[in-house]
Amino acid sequence: MNNELTMSVSSKIGPKGEKKIYVRFSDDTRSAEICSPAMDVIKNVGFTEEEISQLKDYIKSESKTIEDLASTVSPLKAFMGGK
């Protein structure tokens, strides 16, 4: 079994000044979705509260990198099968 944790990042969503980024973490058995910058947990399947806290800390510490990733995401290209 591969327990590698992967992270997926949405594009920036919402009106100017209220942009949100949805960050999803998952492995073979668990998944969690957290909305940044509010750090609201949208979904959690299998992560402990301590692990969720660590994921939130990671998002906060890597917020610039995550924002840069989100700015490169194109929902239309993803829908059409592109990168």
N, C-alpha and C. Protein backbone atom coordinates (compact mmCIF):
# COMPACT_ATOMS: atom_id res chain seq x y z
N MET A 1 0.85 -1.19 0.00
CA MET A 1 0.00 0.00 0.00
C MET A 1 0.89 1.24 0.00
N ASN A 2 0.56 2.21 -0.82
CA ASN A 2 1.29 3.45 -0.94
C ASN A 2 0.62 4.51 -0.06
N ASN A 3 1.32 4.96 0.97
CA ASN A 3 0.76 5.96 1.88
C ASN A 3 1.26 7.36 1.57
N GLU A 4 1.67 7.60 0.34
CA GLU A 4 2.16 8.91 -0.05
C GLU A 4 1.01 9.91 -0.02
N LEU A 5 1.25 11.03 0.65
CA LEU A 5 0.24 12.08 0.75
C LEU A 5 0.41 13.02 -0.44
N THR A 6 -0.67 13.23 -1.18
CA THR A 6 -0.63 14.16 -2.30
C THR A 6 -1.47 15.39 -1.99
N MET A 7 -1.11 16.50 -2.65
CA MET A 7 -1.82 17.75 -2.45
C MET A 7 -2.30 18.25 -3.81
N SER A 8 -3.55 18.67 -3.87
CA SER A 8 -4.12 19.30 -5.06
C SER A 8 -4.59 20.68 -4.68
N VAL A 9 -4.44 21.62 -5.61
CA VAL A 9 -4.80 23.01 -5.34
C VAL A 9 -5.76 23.50 -6.41
N SER A 10 -6.85 24.16 -6.00
CA SER A 10 -7.80 24.74 -6.94
C SER A 10 -7.26 26.07 -7.47
N SER A 11 -7.93 26.59 -8.46
CA SER A 11 -7.66 27.97 -8.87
C SER A 11 -8.21 28.89 -7.79
N LYS A 12 -7.86 30.17 -7.87
CA LYS A 12 -8.42 31.14 -6.94
C LYS A 12 -9.88 31.37 -7.32
N ILE A 13 -10.77 31.24 -6.34
CA ILE A 13 -12.21 31.30 -6.58
C ILE A 13 -12.83 32.41 -5.75
N GLY A 14 -13.75 33.16 -6.35
CA GLY A 14 -14.49 34.18 -5.62
C GLY A 14 -14.21 35.56 -6.14
N PRO A 15 -14.98 36.54 -5.63
CA PRO A 15 -14.81 37.92 -6.08
C PRO A 15 -13.48 38.51 -5.60
N LYS A 16 -13.01 39.51 -6.32
CA LYS A 16 -11.76 40.17 -5.97
C LYS A 16 -11.79 40.63 -4.51
N GLY A 17 -10.72 40.38 -3.81
CA GLY A 17 -10.64 40.74 -2.40
C GLY A 17 -11.16 39.65 -1.47
N GLU A 18 -11.84 38.65 -2.02
CA GLU A 18 -12.37 37.54 -1.22
C GLU A 18 -11.99 36.19 -1.83
N LYS A 19 -10.86 36.15 -2.52
CA LYS A 19 -10.45 34.93 -3.21
C LYS A 19 -10.17 33.81 -2.22
N LYS A 20 -10.59 32.62 -2.59
CA LYS A 20 -10.36 31.42 -1.79
C LYS A 20 -9.62 30.40 -2.63
N ILE A 21 -8.86 29.57 -1.96
CA ILE A 21 -8.17 28.46 -2.61
C ILE A 21 -8.52 27.21 -1.83
N TYR A 22 -8.96 26.18 -2.54
CA TYR A 22 -9.28 24.91 -1.91
C TYR A 22 -8.09 23.98 -2.07
N VAL A 23 -7.60 23.48 -0.94
CA VAL A 23 -6.43 22.61 -0.93
C VAL A 23 -6.88 21.23 -0.46
N ARG A 24 -6.57 20.21 -1.26
CA ARG A 24 -6.98 18.84 -0.94
C ARG A 24 -5.75 17.98 -0.71
N PHE A 25 -5.76 17.27 0.38
CA PHE A 25 -4.71 16.31 0.71
C PHE A 25 -5.34 14.92 0.69
N SER A 26 -4.62 13.95 0.14
CA SER A 26 -5.17 12.59 0.12
C SER A 26 -4.05 11.56 0.02
N ASP A 27 -4.37 10.37 0.49
CA ASP A 27 -3.54 9.19 0.28
C ASP A 27 -4.48 8.05 -0.05
N ASP A 28 -4.05 6.83 0.11
CA ASP A 28 -4.87 5.69 -0.28
C ASP A 28 -6.18 5.57 0.50
N THR A 29 -6.20 6.05 1.74
CA THR A 29 -7.37 5.82 2.58
C THR A 29 -7.99 7.08 3.18
N ARG A 30 -7.29 8.21 3.09
CA ARG A 30 -7.76 9.43 3.76
C ARG A 30 -7.81 10.58 2.77
N SER A 31 -8.66 11.56 3.07
CA SER A 31 -8.68 12.79 2.29
C SER A 31 -9.22 13.93 3.15
N ALA A 32 -8.73 15.11 2.85
CA ALA A 32 -9.19 16.31 3.55
C ALA A 32 -9.13 17.48 2.59
N GLU A 33 -10.13 18.36 2.70
CA GLU A 33 -10.16 19.57 1.90
C GLU A 33 -10.26 20.76 2.84
N ILE A 34 -9.36 21.71 2.66
CA ILE A 34 -9.29 22.89 3.53
C ILE A 34 -9.32 24.13 2.65
N CYS A 35 -10.13 25.09 3.04
CA CYS A 35 -10.27 26.35 2.31
C CYS A 35 -9.34 27.39 2.91
N SER A 36 -8.48 27.95 2.06
CA SER A 36 -7.55 28.98 2.50
C SER A 36 -8.03 30.32 1.95
N PRO A 37 -7.93 31.41 2.64
CA PRO A 37 -7.13 31.62 3.84
C PRO A 37 -7.88 31.40 5.16
N ALA A 38 -9.16 31.12 5.13
CA ALA A 38 -9.93 30.99 6.37
C ALA A 38 -9.58 29.74 7.18
N MET A 39 -8.97 28.75 6.52
CA MET A 39 -8.60 27.47 7.14
C MET A 39 -9.81 26.67 7.59
N ASP A 40 -10.93 26.84 6.87
CA ASP A 40 -12.12 26.04 7.14
C ASP A 40 -11.92 24.64 6.58
N VAL A 41 -12.24 23.63 7.39
CA VAL A 41 -12.17 22.25 6.92
C VAL A 41 -13.49 21.95 6.22
N ILE A 42 -13.43 21.72 4.92
CA ILE A 42 -14.61 21.45 4.12
C ILE A 42 -14.99 19.97 4.24
N LYS A 43 -13.96 19.12 4.24
CA LYS A 43 -14.19 17.68 4.30
C LYS A 43 -13.00 17.03 4.98
N ASN A 44 -13.27 16.02 5.79
CA ASN A 44 -12.20 15.25 6.42
C ASN A 44 -12.65 13.80 6.55
N VAL A 45 -11.91 12.93 5.89
CA VAL A 45 -12.17 11.50 6.00
C VAL A 45 -10.87 10.82 6.42
N GLY A 46 -10.76 10.50 7.70
CA GLY A 46 -9.65 9.70 8.17
C GLY A 46 -8.49 10.41 8.83
N PHE A 47 -8.41 11.72 8.75
CA PHE A 47 -7.32 12.43 9.41
C PHE A 47 -7.72 12.75 10.85
N THR A 48 -6.77 12.65 11.77
CA THR A 48 -7.01 13.02 13.16
C THR A 48 -7.02 14.55 13.28
N GLU A 49 -7.52 15.06 14.39
CA GLU A 49 -7.52 16.50 14.62
C GLU A 49 -6.09 17.05 14.61
N GLU A 50 -5.16 16.30 15.17
CA GLU A 50 -3.75 16.72 15.19
C GLU A 50 -3.20 16.79 13.76
N GLU A 51 -3.54 15.82 12.93
CA GLU A 51 -3.08 15.83 11.54
C GLU A 51 -3.69 17.00 10.77
N ILE A 52 -4.96 17.29 11.02
CA ILE A 52 -5.62 18.44 10.37
C ILE A 52 -4.91 19.73 10.79
N SER A 53 -4.57 19.83 12.05
CA SER A 53 -3.85 21.00 12.54
C SER A 53 -2.50 21.14 11.83
N GLN A 54 -1.82 20.03 11.61
CA GLN A 54 -0.54 20.04 10.90
C GLN A 54 -0.73 20.45 9.44
N LEU A 55 -1.79 19.97 8.81
CA LEU A 55 -2.07 20.36 7.43
C LEU A 55 -2.36 21.86 7.33
N LYS A 56 -3.12 22.39 8.28
CA LYS A 56 -3.40 23.83 8.31
C LYS A 56 -2.11 24.62 8.48
N ASP A 57 -1.24 24.15 9.38
CA ASP A 57 0.05 24.82 9.59
C ASP A 57 0.87 24.81 8.31
N TYR A 58 0.82 23.70 7.59
CA TYR A 58 1.55 23.59 6.33
C TYR A 58 1.02 24.61 5.32
N ILE A 59 -0.30 24.69 5.20
CA ILE A 59 -0.90 25.64 4.27
C ILE A 59 -0.48 27.07 4.63
N LYS A 60 -0.52 27.40 5.91
CA LYS A 60 -0.12 28.74 6.35
C LYS A 60 1.34 29.02 6.02
N SER A 61 2.22 28.06 6.31
CA SER A 61 3.65 28.29 6.10
C SER A 61 4.02 28.31 4.61
N GLU A 62 3.23 27.65 3.78
CA GLU A 62 3.50 27.58 2.35
C GLU A 62 2.48 28.38 1.53
N SER A 63 1.87 29.38 2.16
CA SER A 63 0.79 30.12 1.51
C SER A 63 1.23 30.77 0.20
N LYS A 64 2.42 31.32 0.13
CA LYS A 64 2.91 31.95 -1.09
C LYS A 64 3.03 30.91 -2.21
N THR A 65 3.62 29.76 -1.91
CA THR A 65 3.78 28.70 -2.90
C THR A 65 2.41 28.21 -3.37
N ILE A 66 1.48 28.03 -2.44
CA ILE A 66 0.14 27.55 -2.78
C ILE A 66 -0.59 28.59 -3.64
N GLU A 67 -0.46 29.87 -3.31
CA GLU A 67 -1.07 30.93 -4.13
C GLU A 67 -0.48 30.93 -5.53
N ASP A 68 0.84 30.73 -5.64
CA ASP A 68 1.48 30.68 -6.95
C ASP A 68 0.95 29.49 -7.76
N LEU A 69 0.80 28.34 -7.11
CA LEU A 69 0.25 27.16 -7.79
C LEU A 69 -1.18 27.43 -8.25
N ALA A 70 -1.98 28.03 -7.37
CA ALA A 70 -3.38 28.30 -7.70
C ALA A 70 -3.51 29.25 -8.89
N SER A 71 -2.58 30.16 -9.02
CA SER A 71 -2.65 31.12 -10.13
C SER A 71 -2.34 30.46 -11.48
N THR A 72 -1.74 29.27 -11.45
CA THR A 72 -1.43 28.56 -12.70
C THR A 72 -2.51 27.56 -13.09
N VAL A 73 -3.47 27.33 -12.21
CA VAL A 73 -4.53 26.35 -12.48
C VAL A 73 -5.58 26.97 -13.40
N SER A 74 -5.88 26.27 -14.47
CA SER A 74 -6.92 26.71 -15.39
C SER A 74 -8.05 25.70 -15.37
N PRO A 75 -9.19 26.04 -14.76
CA PRO A 75 -10.31 25.09 -14.70
C PRO A 75 -10.77 24.63 -16.08
N LEU A 76 -10.77 25.52 -17.04
CA LEU A 76 -11.20 25.16 -18.40
C LEU A 76 -10.25 24.14 -19.02
N LYS A 77 -8.94 24.37 -18.88
CA LYS A 77 -7.96 23.42 -19.42
C LYS A 77 -8.09 22.07 -18.71
N ALA A 78 -8.28 22.09 -17.40
CA ALA A 78 -8.43 20.83 -16.66
C ALA A 78 -9.67 20.07 -17.13
N PHE A 79 -10.75 20.81 -17.34
CA PHE A 79 -11.99 20.20 -17.82
C PHE A 79 -11.81 19.59 -19.21
N MET A 80 -11.01 20.25 -20.04
CA MET A 80 -10.79 19.80 -21.41
C MET A 80 -9.68 18.74 -21.51
N GLY A 81 -9.09 18.39 -20.37
CA GLY A 81 -8.06 17.34 -20.37
C GLY A 81 -6.65 17.87 -20.49
N GLY A 82 -6.44 19.16 -20.40
CA GLY A 82 -5.10 19.74 -20.45
C GLY A 82 -4.54 19.91 -19.07
N LYS A 83 -3.41 20.58 -19.00
CA LYS A 83 -2.77 20.83 -17.69
C LYS A 83 -3.12 22.19 -17.17
